[in-house]
C-alpha cells in the first residue's frame, strides 16, 4: 500500500483524481503505475513489462525507479510492506 508521497501533485492525483500537478500525457501511465504500486508488497512486485524497474544509488540509495516516458520516472522506497516517499520527477 502507498503510505506517503513526496510529490504533492501525484498525491492529489492518486487520492482525488486531480490532474493538476502532473503532465497530462502521463495520466494513463501514472494510473497504471500507482495502481500496481498500491498493490505491491515488495519492490520486485513492480517488475512488470515495460516499467523498467531498477534500484537507485547515491543520494537515492534505497529507492527504486520505474519508467514513465523519456526521462520521467516514479521513484519510491519500501518500508516493510508499504511504499513510501513516492515521487514523480525528471531526474536526468
PDB file of N, CA and C in Angstrom:
ATOM      1  N   UNK A   1       0.840  -1.174   0.000  1.00  0.00           N
ATOM      2  CA  UNK A   1       0.000   0.000   0.000  1.00  0.00           C
ATOM      3  C   UNK A   1       0.890   1.243   0.000  1.00  0.00           C
ATOM      4  N   UNK A   2       0.453   2.276  -0.691  1.00  0.00           N
ATOM      5  CA  UNK A   2       1.202   3.532  -0.685  1.00  0.00           C
ATOM      6  C   UNK A   2       0.908   4.269   0.618  1.00  0.00           C
ATOM      7  N   UNK A   3       1.973   4.544   1.355  1.00  0.00           N
ATOM      8  CA  UNK A   3       1.816   5.203   2.652  1.00  0.00           C
ATOM      9  C   UNK A   3       2.110   6.706   2.598  1.00  0.00           C
ATOM     10  N   UNK A   4       3.063   7.112   1.741  1.00  0.00           N
ATOM     11  CA  UNK A   4       3.392   8.543   1.702  1.00  0.00           C
ATOM     12  C   UNK A   4       3.922   8.950   0.331  1.00  0.00           C
ATOM     13  N   UNK A   5       3.743  10.228   0.023  1.00  0.00           N
ATOM     14  CA  UNK A   5       4.202  10.820  -1.223  1.00  0.00           C
ATOM     15  C   UNK A   5       5.157  11.965  -0.932  1.00  0.00           C
ATOM     16  N   UNK A   6       6.101  12.176  -1.833  1.00  0.00           N
ATOM     17  CA  UNK A   6       6.920  13.387  -1.818  1.00  0.00           C
ATOM     18  C   UNK A   6       6.328  14.425  -2.763  1.00  0.00           C
ATOM     19  N   UNK A   7       5.740  13.986  -3.849  1.00  0.00           N
ATOM     20  CA  UNK A   7       5.203  14.870  -4.879  1.00  0.00           C
ATOM     21  C   UNK A   7       3.721  15.128  -4.602  1.00  0.00           C
ATOM     22  N   UNK A   8       3.392  16.365  -4.261  1.00  0.00           N
ATOM     23  CA  UNK A   8       2.015  16.705  -3.864  1.00  0.00           C
ATOM     24  C   UNK A   8       1.028  16.550  -5.011  1.00  0.00           C
ATOM     25  N   UNK A   9       1.433  16.882  -6.247  1.00  0.00           N
ATOM     26  CA  UNK A   9       0.545  16.720  -7.392  1.00  0.00           C
ATOM     27  C   UNK A   9       0.202  15.265  -7.636  1.00  0.00           C
ATOM     28  N   UNK A  10       1.192  14.388  -7.471  1.00  0.00           N
ATOM     29  CA  UNK A  10       0.966  12.951  -7.637  1.00  0.00           C
ATOM     30  C   UNK A  10       0.049  12.423  -6.537  1.00  0.00           C
ATOM     31  N   UNK A  11       0.234  12.920  -5.339  1.00  0.00           N
ATOM     32  CA  UNK A  11      -0.628  12.517  -4.223  1.00  0.00           C
ATOM     33  C   UNK A  11      -2.082  12.926  -4.480  1.00  0.00           C
ATOM     34  N   UNK A  12      -2.284  14.147  -4.980  1.00  0.00           N
ATOM     35  CA  UNK A  12      -3.641  14.604  -5.289  1.00  0.00           C
ATOM     36  C   UNK A  12      -4.250  13.777  -6.416  1.00  0.00           C
ATOM     37  N   UNK A  13      -3.447  13.438  -7.405  1.00  0.00           N
ATOM     38  CA  UNK A  13      -3.943  12.611  -8.496  1.00  0.00           C
ATOM     39  C   UNK A  13      -4.374  11.240  -7.966  1.00  0.00           C
ATOM     40  N   UNK A  14      -3.564  10.655  -7.114  1.00  0.00           N
ATOM     41  CA  UNK A  14      -3.852   9.340  -6.554  1.00  0.00           C
ATOM     42  C   UNK A  14      -5.088   9.358  -5.662  1.00  0.00           C
ATOM     43  N   UNK A  15      -5.194  10.358  -4.798  1.00  0.00           N
ATOM     44  CA  UNK A  15      -6.281  10.360  -3.817  1.00  0.00           C
ATOM     45  C   UNK A  15      -7.585  10.983  -4.327  1.00  0.00           C
ATOM     46  N   UNK A  16      -7.469  11.968  -5.243  1.00  0.00           N
ATOM     47  CA  UNK A  16      -8.669  12.689  -5.677  1.00  0.00           C
ATOM     48  C   UNK A  16      -8.931  12.639  -7.179  1.00  0.00           C
ATOM     49  N   UNK A  17      -7.943  12.142  -7.944  1.00  0.00           N
ATOM     50  CA  UNK A  17      -8.093  12.130  -9.397  1.00  0.00           C
ATOM     51  C   UNK A  17      -7.807  13.474 -10.039  1.00  0.00           C
ATOM     52  N   UNK A  18      -7.307  14.430  -9.258  1.00  0.00           N
ATOM     53  CA  UNK A  18      -6.980  15.761  -9.763  1.00  0.00           C
ATOM     54  C   UNK A  18      -5.742  15.691 -10.639  1.00  0.00           C
ATOM     55  N   UNK A  19      -5.860  16.183 -11.861  1.00  0.00           N
ATOM     56  CA  UNK A  19      -4.745  16.108 -12.813  1.00  0.00           C
ATOM     57  C   UNK A  19      -3.792  17.279 -12.700  1.00  0.00           C
ATOM     58  N   UNK A  20      -4.161  18.284 -11.927  1.00  0.00           N
ATOM     59  CA  UNK A  20      -3.283  19.427 -11.729  1.00  0.00           C
ATOM     60  C   UNK A  20      -2.036  18.959 -10.995  1.00  0.00           C
ATOM     61  N   UNK A  21      -0.882  19.272 -11.534  1.00  0.00           N
ATOM     62  CA  UNK A  21       0.371  18.873 -10.892  1.00  0.00           C
ATOM     63  C   UNK A  21       1.041  17.689 -11.569  1.00  0.00           C
ATOM     64  N   UNK A  22       0.375  17.091 -12.579  1.00  0.00           N
ATOM     65  CA  UNK A  22       1.012  16.029 -13.363  1.00  0.00           C
ATOM     66  C   UNK A  22       0.929  16.408 -14.835  1.00  0.00           C
ATOM     67  N   UNK A  23       1.793  15.836 -15.625  1.00  0.00           N
ATOM     68  CA  UNK A  23       1.754  16.084 -17.068  1.00  0.00           C
ATOM     69  C   UNK A  23       0.587  15.298 -17.670  1.00  0.00           C
ATOM     70  N   UNK A  24      -0.281  15.957 -18.438  1.00  0.00           N
ATOM     71  CA  UNK A  24      -1.462  15.280 -18.994  1.00  0.00           C
ATOM     72  C   UNK A  24      -1.131  14.035 -19.803  1.00  0.00           C
ATOM     73  N   UNK A  25      -0.029  14.066 -20.527  1.00  0.00           N
ATOM     74  CA  UNK A  25       0.339  12.903 -21.344  1.00  0.00           C
ATOM     75  C   UNK A  25       0.802  11.707 -20.511  1.00  0.00           C
ATOM     76  N   UNK A  26       1.028  11.905 -19.227  1.00  0.00           N
ATOM     77  CA  UNK A  26       1.454  10.818 -18.334  1.00  0.00           C
ATOM     78  C   UNK A  26       0.296  10.194 -17.557  1.00  0.00           C
ATOM     79  N   UNK A  27      -0.890  10.747 -17.697  1.00  0.00           N
ATOM     80  CA  UNK A  27      -2.003  10.321 -16.850  1.00  0.00           C
ATOM     81  C   UNK A  27      -2.257   8.814 -16.889  1.00  0.00           C
ATOM     82  N   UNK A  28      -2.421   8.239 -18.062  1.00  0.00           N
ATOM     83  CA  UNK A  28      -2.718   6.794 -18.141  1.00  0.00           C
ATOM     84  C   UNK A  28      -1.595   5.962 -17.535  1.00  0.00           C
ATOM     85  N   UNK A  29      -0.373   6.321 -17.856  1.00  0.00           N
ATOM     86  CA  UNK A  29       0.776   5.574 -17.354  1.00  0.00           C
ATOM     87  C   UNK A  29       0.859   5.678 -15.830  1.00  0.00           C
ATOM     88  N   UNK A  30       0.661   6.879 -15.298  1.00  0.00           N
ATOM     89  CA  UNK A  30       0.698   7.070 -13.850  1.00  0.00           C
ATOM     90  C   UNK A  30      -0.403   6.280 -13.159  1.00  0.00           C
ATOM     91  N   UNK A  31      -1.581   6.236 -13.751  1.00  0.00           N
ATOM     92  CA  UNK A  31      -2.685   5.453 -13.167  1.00  0.00           C
ATOM     93  C   UNK A  31      -2.275   3.987 -13.044  1.00  0.00           C
ATOM     94  N   UNK A  32      -1.682   3.445 -14.099  1.00  0.00           N
ATOM     95  CA  UNK A  32      -1.230   2.048 -14.094  1.00  0.00           C
ATOM     96  C   UNK A  32      -0.172   1.826 -13.023  1.00  0.00           C
ATOM     97  N   UNK A  33       0.814   2.719 -12.964  1.00  0.00           N
ATOM     98  CA  UNK A  33       1.920   2.584 -12.010  1.00  0.00           C
ATOM     99  C   UNK A  33       1.410   2.689 -10.576  1.00  0.00           C
ATOM    100  N   UNK A  34       0.573   3.676 -10.293  1.00  0.00           N
ATOM    101  CA  UNK A  34       0.084   3.863  -8.928  1.00  0.00           C
ATOM    102  C   UNK A  34      -0.810   2.720  -8.479  1.00  0.00           C
ATOM    103  N   UNK A  35      -1.624   2.187  -9.386  1.00  0.00           N
ATOM    104  CA  UNK A  35      -2.453   1.034  -9.053  1.00  0.00           C
ATOM    105  C   UNK A  35      -1.568  -0.155  -8.683  1.00  0.00           C
ATOM    106  N   UNK A  36      -0.534  -0.405  -9.500  1.00  0.00           N
ATOM    107  CA  UNK A  36       0.384  -1.518  -9.225  1.00  0.00           C
ATOM    108  C   UNK A  36       1.155  -1.282  -7.929  1.00  0.00           C
ATOM    109  N   UNK A  37       1.628  -0.059  -7.724  1.00  0.00           N
ATOM    110  CA  UNK A  37       2.409   0.245  -6.525  1.00  0.00           C
ATOM    111  C   UNK A  37       1.556   0.131  -5.261  1.00  0.00           C
ATOM    112  N   UNK A  38       0.308   0.511  -5.337  1.00  0.00           N
ATOM    113  CA  UNK A  38      -0.570   0.409  -4.177  1.00  0.00           C
ATOM    114  C   UNK A  38      -0.847  -1.052  -3.806  1.00  0.00           C
ATOM    115  N   UNK A  39      -0.753  -1.945  -4.770  1.00  0.00           N
ATOM    116  CA  UNK A  39      -0.961  -3.377  -4.525  1.00  0.00           C
ATOM    117  C   UNK A  39       0.330  -4.114  -4.185  1.00  0.00           C
ATOM    118  N   UNK A  40       1.473  -3.497  -4.487  1.00  0.00           N
ATOM    119  CA  UNK A  40       2.770  -4.154  -4.308  1.00  0.00           C
ATOM    120  C   UNK A  40       3.108  -4.336  -2.834  1.00  0.00           C
ATOM    121  N   UNK A  41       3.812  -5.422  -2.552  1.00  0.00           N
ATOM    122  CA  UNK A  41       4.286  -5.694  -1.185  1.00  0.00           C
ATOM    123  C   UNK A  41       5.814  -5.626  -1.094  1.00  0.00           C
ATOM    124  N   UNK A  42       6.467  -5.659  -2.257  1.00  0.00           N
ATOM    125  CA  UNK A  42       7.932  -5.568  -2.341  1.00  0.00           C
ATOM    126  C   UNK A  42       8.271  -4.791  -3.607  1.00  0.00           C
ATOM    127  N   UNK A  43       9.478  -4.234  -3.697  1.00  0.00           N
ATOM    128  CA  UNK A  43       9.868  -3.571  -4.941  1.00  0.00           C
ATOM    129  C   UNK A  43       9.782  -4.511  -6.149  1.00  0.00           C
ATOM    130  N   UNK A  44      10.100  -5.780  -5.964  1.00  0.00           N
ATOM    131  CA  UNK A  44      10.055  -6.744  -7.055  1.00  0.00           C
ATOM    132  C   UNK A  44       8.674  -6.910  -7.667  1.00  0.00           C
ATOM    133  N   UNK A  45       7.640  -6.598  -6.921  1.00  0.00           N
ATOM    134  CA  UNK A  45       6.285  -6.665  -7.463  1.00  0.00           C
ATOM    135  C   UNK A  45       6.064  -5.636  -8.575  1.00  0.00           C
ATOM    136  N   UNK A  46       6.930  -4.642  -8.655  1.00  0.00           N
ATOM    137  CA  UNK A  46       6.825  -3.609  -9.685  1.00  0.00           C
ATOM    138  C   UNK A  46       7.628  -3.958 -10.943  1.00  0.00           C
ATOM    139  N   UNK A  47       8.195  -5.136 -10.975  1.00  0.00           N
ATOM    140  CA  UNK A  47       8.973  -5.572 -12.142  1.00  0.00           C
ATOM    141  C   UNK A  47       8.023  -6.107 -13.210  1.00  0.00           C
ATOM    142  N   UNK A  48       7.212  -5.211 -13.744  1.00  0.00           N
ATOM    143  CA  UNK A  48       6.206  -5.552 -14.742  1.00  0.00           C
ATOM    144  C   UNK A  48       6.717  -5.164 -16.126  1.00  0.00           C
ATOM    145  N   UNK A  49       6.226  -5.820 -17.171  1.00  0.00           N
ATOM    146  CA  UNK A  49       6.678  -5.493 -18.531  1.00  0.00           C
ATOM    147  C   UNK A  49       6.514  -4.003 -18.841  1.00  0.00           C
ATOM    148  N   UNK A  50       7.576  -3.416 -19.345  1.00  0.00           N
ATOM    149  CA  UNK A  50       7.549  -2.024 -19.761  1.00  0.00           C
ATOM    150  C   UNK A  50       7.842  -1.000 -18.684  1.00  0.00           C
ATOM    151  N   UNK A  51       7.898  -1.413 -17.414  1.00  0.00           N
ATOM    152  CA  UNK A  51       8.151  -0.438 -16.352  1.00  0.00           C
ATOM    153  C   UNK A  51       9.632  -0.197 -16.094  1.00  0.00           C
ATOM    154  N   UNK A  52      10.474  -1.108 -16.519  1.00  0.00           N
ATOM    155  CA  UNK A  52      11.938  -0.952 -16.381  1.00  0.00           C
ATOM    156  C   UNK A  52      12.359  -0.674 -14.936  1.00  0.00           C
ATOM    157  N   UNK A  53      11.877  -1.467 -14.021  1.00  0.00           N
ATOM    158  CA  UNK A  53      12.230  -1.323 -12.609  1.00  0.00           C
ATOM    159  C   UNK A  53      13.735  -1.440 -12.421  1.00  0.00           C
ATOM    160  N   UNK A  54      14.302  -0.533 -11.644  1.00  0.00           N
ATOM    161  CA  UNK A  54      15.714  -0.672 -11.266  1.00  0.00           C
ATOM    162  C   UNK A  54      15.983   0.061  -9.951  1.00  0.00           C
ATOM    163  N   UNK A  55      16.933  -0.469  -9.169  1.00  0.00           N
ATOM    164  CA  UNK A  55      17.307   0.186  -7.908  1.00  0.00           C
ATOM    165  C   UNK A  55      18.161   1.419  -8.207  1.00  0.00           C
ATOM    166  N   UNK A  56      18.079   2.395  -7.339  1.00  0.00           N
ATOM    167  CA  UNK A  56      18.871   3.613  -7.485  1.00  0.00           C
ATOM    168  C   UNK A  56      20.009   3.614  -6.477  1.00  0.00           C
ATOM    169  N   UNK A  57      20.977   4.492  -6.703  1.00  0.00           N
ATOM    170  CA  UNK A  57      22.126   4.583  -5.797  1.00  0.00           C
ATOM    171  C   UNK A  57      22.425   6.055  -5.537  1.00  0.00           C
ATOM    172  N   UNK A  58      23.511   6.299  -4.829  1.00  0.00           N
ATOM    173  CA  UNK A  58      23.880   7.670  -4.495  1.00  0.00           C
ATOM    174  C   UNK A  58      22.883   8.274  -3.534  1.00  0.00           C
ATOM    175  N   UNK A  59      22.457   9.508  -3.811  1.00  0.00           N
ATOM    176  CA  UNK A  59      21.515  10.172  -2.904  1.00  0.00           C
ATOM    177  C   UNK A  59      20.157   9.482  -2.890  1.00  0.00           C
ATOM    178  N   UNK A  60      19.887   8.633  -3.878  1.00  0.00           N
ATOM    179  CA  UNK A  60      18.629   7.883  -3.965  1.00  0.00           C
ATOM    180  C   UNK A  60      18.789   6.436  -3.496  1.00  0.00           C
ATOM    181  N   UNK A  61      19.872   6.135  -2.806  1.00  0.00           N
ATOM    182  CA  UNK A  61      20.110   4.770  -2.324  1.00  0.00           C
ATOM    183  C   UNK A  61      18.917   4.296  -1.492  1.00  0.00           C
ATOM    184  N   UNK A  62      18.456   3.086  -1.781  1.00  0.00           N
ATOM    185  CA  UNK A  62      17.302   2.535  -1.083  1.00  0.00           C
ATOM    186  C   UNK A  62      15.998   2.728  -1.846  1.00  0.00           C
ATOM    187  N   UNK A  63      16.045   3.547  -2.882  1.00  0.00           N
ATOM    188  CA  UNK A  63      14.866   3.795  -3.714  1.00  0.00           C
ATOM    189  C   UNK A  63      14.925   2.931  -4.966  1.00  0.00           C
ATOM    190  N   UNK A  64      13.770   2.741  -5.573  1.00  0.00           N
ATOM    191  CA  UNK A  64      13.651   2.077  -6.868  1.00  0.00           C
ATOM    192  C   UNK A  64      12.942   3.034  -7.815  1.00  0.00           C
ATOM    193  N   UNK A  65      13.112   2.794  -9.097  1.00  0.00           N
ATOM    194  CA  UNK A  65      12.536   3.653 -10.105  1.00  0.00           C
ATOM    195  C   UNK A  65      11.800   2.824 -11.147  1.00  0.00           C
ATOM    196  N   UNK A  66      10.696   3.362 -11.646  1.00  0.00           N
ATOM    197  CA  UNK A  66      10.013   2.786 -12.804  1.00  0.00           C
ATOM    198  C   UNK A  66       9.840   3.898 -13.835  1.00  0.00           C
ATOM    199  N   UNK A  67       9.843   3.501 -15.086  1.00  0.00           N
ATOM    200  CA  UNK A  67       9.839   4.415 -16.219  1.00  0.00           C
ATOM    201  C   UNK A  67       8.437   4.866 -16.576  1.00  0.00           C
ATOM    202  N   UNK A  68       8.297   6.154 -16.860  1.00  0.00           N
ATOM    203  CA  UNK A  68       7.042   6.692 -17.385  1.00  0.00           C
ATOM    204  C   UNK A  68       7.223   6.951 -18.876  1.00  0.00           C
ATOM    205  N   UNK A  69       8.095   7.898 -19.219  1.00  0.00           N
ATOM    206  CA  UNK A  69       8.457   8.177 -20.608  1.00  0.00           C
ATOM    207  C   UNK A  69       9.663   9.106 -20.607  1.00  0.00           C
ATOM    208  N   UNK A  70      10.457   9.033 -21.655  1.00  0.00           N
ATOM    209  CA  UNK A  70      11.637   9.891 -21.718  1.00  0.00           C
ATOM    210  C   UNK A  70      12.450   9.799 -20.446  1.00  0.00           C
ATOM    211  N   UNK A  71      12.679  10.945 -19.820  1.00  0.00           N
ATOM    212  CA  UNK A  71      13.431  10.982 -18.561  1.00  0.00           C
ATOM    213  C   UNK A  71      12.541  10.944 -17.325  1.00  0.00           C
ATOM    214  N   UNK A  72      11.251  10.857 -17.510  1.00  0.00           N
ATOM    215  CA  UNK A  72      10.318  10.893 -16.385  1.00  0.00           C
ATOM    216  C   UNK A  72      10.222   9.534 -15.700  1.00  0.00           C
ATOM    217  N   UNK A  73      10.262   9.566 -14.359  1.00  0.00           N
ATOM    218  CA  UNK A  73      10.215   8.354 -13.549  1.00  0.00           C
ATOM    219  C   UNK A  73       9.316   8.552 -12.334  1.00  0.00           C
ATOM    220  N   UNK A  74       8.831   7.440 -11.818  1.00  0.00           N
ATOM    221  CA  UNK A  74       8.245   7.399 -10.481  1.00  0.00           C
ATOM    222  C   UNK A  74       9.270   6.668  -9.628  1.00  0.00           C
ATOM    223  N   UNK A  75       9.695   7.291  -8.542  1.00  0.00           N
ATOM    224  CA  UNK A  75      10.648   6.672  -7.632  1.00  0.00           C
ATOM    225  C   UNK A  75       9.967   6.441  -6.295  1.00  0.00           C
ATOM    226  N   UNK A  76      10.420   5.406  -5.599  1.00  0.00           N
ATOM    227  CA  UNK A  76       9.778   5.019  -4.344  1.00  0.00           C
ATOM    228  C   UNK A  76      10.732   4.148  -3.553  1.00  0.00           C
ATOM    229  N   UNK A  77      10.426   3.997  -2.290  1.00  0.00           N
ATOM    230  CA  UNK A  77      11.144   3.047  -1.437  1.00  0.00           C
ATOM    231  C   UNK A  77      10.092   2.269  -0.666  1.00  0.00           C
ATOM    232  N   UNK A  78      10.502   1.163  -0.100  1.00  0.00           N
ATOM    233  CA  UNK A  78       9.586   0.373   0.718  1.00  0.00           C
ATOM    234  C   UNK A  78      10.032   0.412   2.165  1.00  0.00           C
ATOM    235  N   UNK A  79       9.062   0.527   3.042  1.00  0.00           N
ATOM    236  CA  UNK A  79       9.266   0.418   4.479  1.00  0.00           C
ATOM    237  C   UNK A  79       8.334  -0.699   4.912  1.00  0.00           C
ATOM    238  N   UNK A  80       8.898  -1.860   5.169  1.00  0.00           N
ATOM    239  CA  UNK A  80       8.070  -3.029   5.442  1.00  0.00           C
ATOM    240  C   UNK A  80       7.324  -3.411   4.182  1.00  0.00           C
ATOM    241  N   UNK A  81       6.020  -3.484   4.264  1.00  0.00           N
ATOM    242  CA  UNK A  81       5.192  -3.860   3.116  1.00  0.00           C
ATOM    243  C   UNK A  81       4.559  -2.657   2.424  1.00  0.00           C
ATOM    244  N   UNK A  82       4.949  -1.449   2.819  1.00  0.00           N
ATOM    245  CA  UNK A  82       4.343  -0.230   2.279  1.00  0.00           C
ATOM    246  C   UNK A  82       5.324   0.568   1.429  1.00  0.00           C
ATOM    247  N   UNK A  83       4.806   1.144   0.341  1.00  0.00           N
ATOM    248  CA  UNK A  83       5.586   2.067  -0.484  1.00  0.00           C
ATOM    249  C   UNK A  83       5.572   3.435   0.190  1.00  0.00           C
ATOM    250  N   UNK A  84       6.728   4.074   0.248  1.00  0.00           N
ATOM    251  CA  UNK A  84       6.860   5.366   0.915  1.00  0.00           C
ATOM    252  C   UNK A  84       7.610   6.343   0.018  1.00  0.00           C
ATOM    253  N   UNK A  85       7.449   7.619   0.317  1.00  0.00           N
ATOM    254  CA  UNK A  85       8.194   8.678  -0.358  1.00  0.00           C
ATOM    255  C   UNK A  85       8.090   8.578  -1.879  1.00  0.00           C
ATOM    256  N   UNK A  86       6.890   8.317  -2.370  1.00  0.00           N
ATOM    257  CA  UNK A  86       6.664   8.169  -3.804  1.00  0.00           C
ATOM    258  C   UNK A  86       6.823   9.539  -4.463  1.00  0.00           C
ATOM    259  N   UNK A  87       7.672   9.601  -5.481  1.00  0.00           N
ATOM    260  CA  UNK A  87       7.962  10.866  -6.145  1.00  0.00           C
ATOM    261  C   UNK A  87       7.818  10.706  -7.653  1.00  0.00           C
ATOM    262  N   UNK A  88       7.590  11.798  -8.330  1.00  0.00           N
ATOM    263  CA  UNK A  88       7.367  11.876  -9.770  1.00  0.00           C
ATOM    264  C   UNK A  88       8.316  12.947 -10.296  1.00  0.00           C
ATOM    265  N   UNK A  89       9.291  12.540 -11.106  1.00  0.00           N
ATOM    266  CA  UNK A  89      10.308  13.518 -11.481  1.00  0.00           C
ATOM    267  C   UNK A  89      11.008  13.177 -12.788  1.00  0.00           C
ATOM    268  N   UNK A  90      11.645  14.198 -13.318  1.00  0.00           N
ATOM    269  CA  UNK A  90      12.530  14.092 -14.480  1.00  0.00           C
ATOM    270  C   UNK A  90      13.934  14.185 -13.894  1.00  0.00           C
ATOM    271  N   UNK A  91      14.568  13.033 -13.667  1.00  0.00           N
ATOM    272  CA  UNK A  91      15.823  13.068 -12.903  1.00  0.00           C
ATOM    273  C   UNK A  91      17.089  12.961 -13.725  1.00  0.00           C
ATOM    274  N   UNK A  92      17.037  13.167 -15.005  1.00  0.00           N
ATOM    275  CA  UNK A  92      18.276  13.161 -15.790  1.00  0.00           C
ATOM    276  C   UNK A  92      18.623  14.540 -16.270  1.00  0.00           C
TER     277      UNK A  92
END
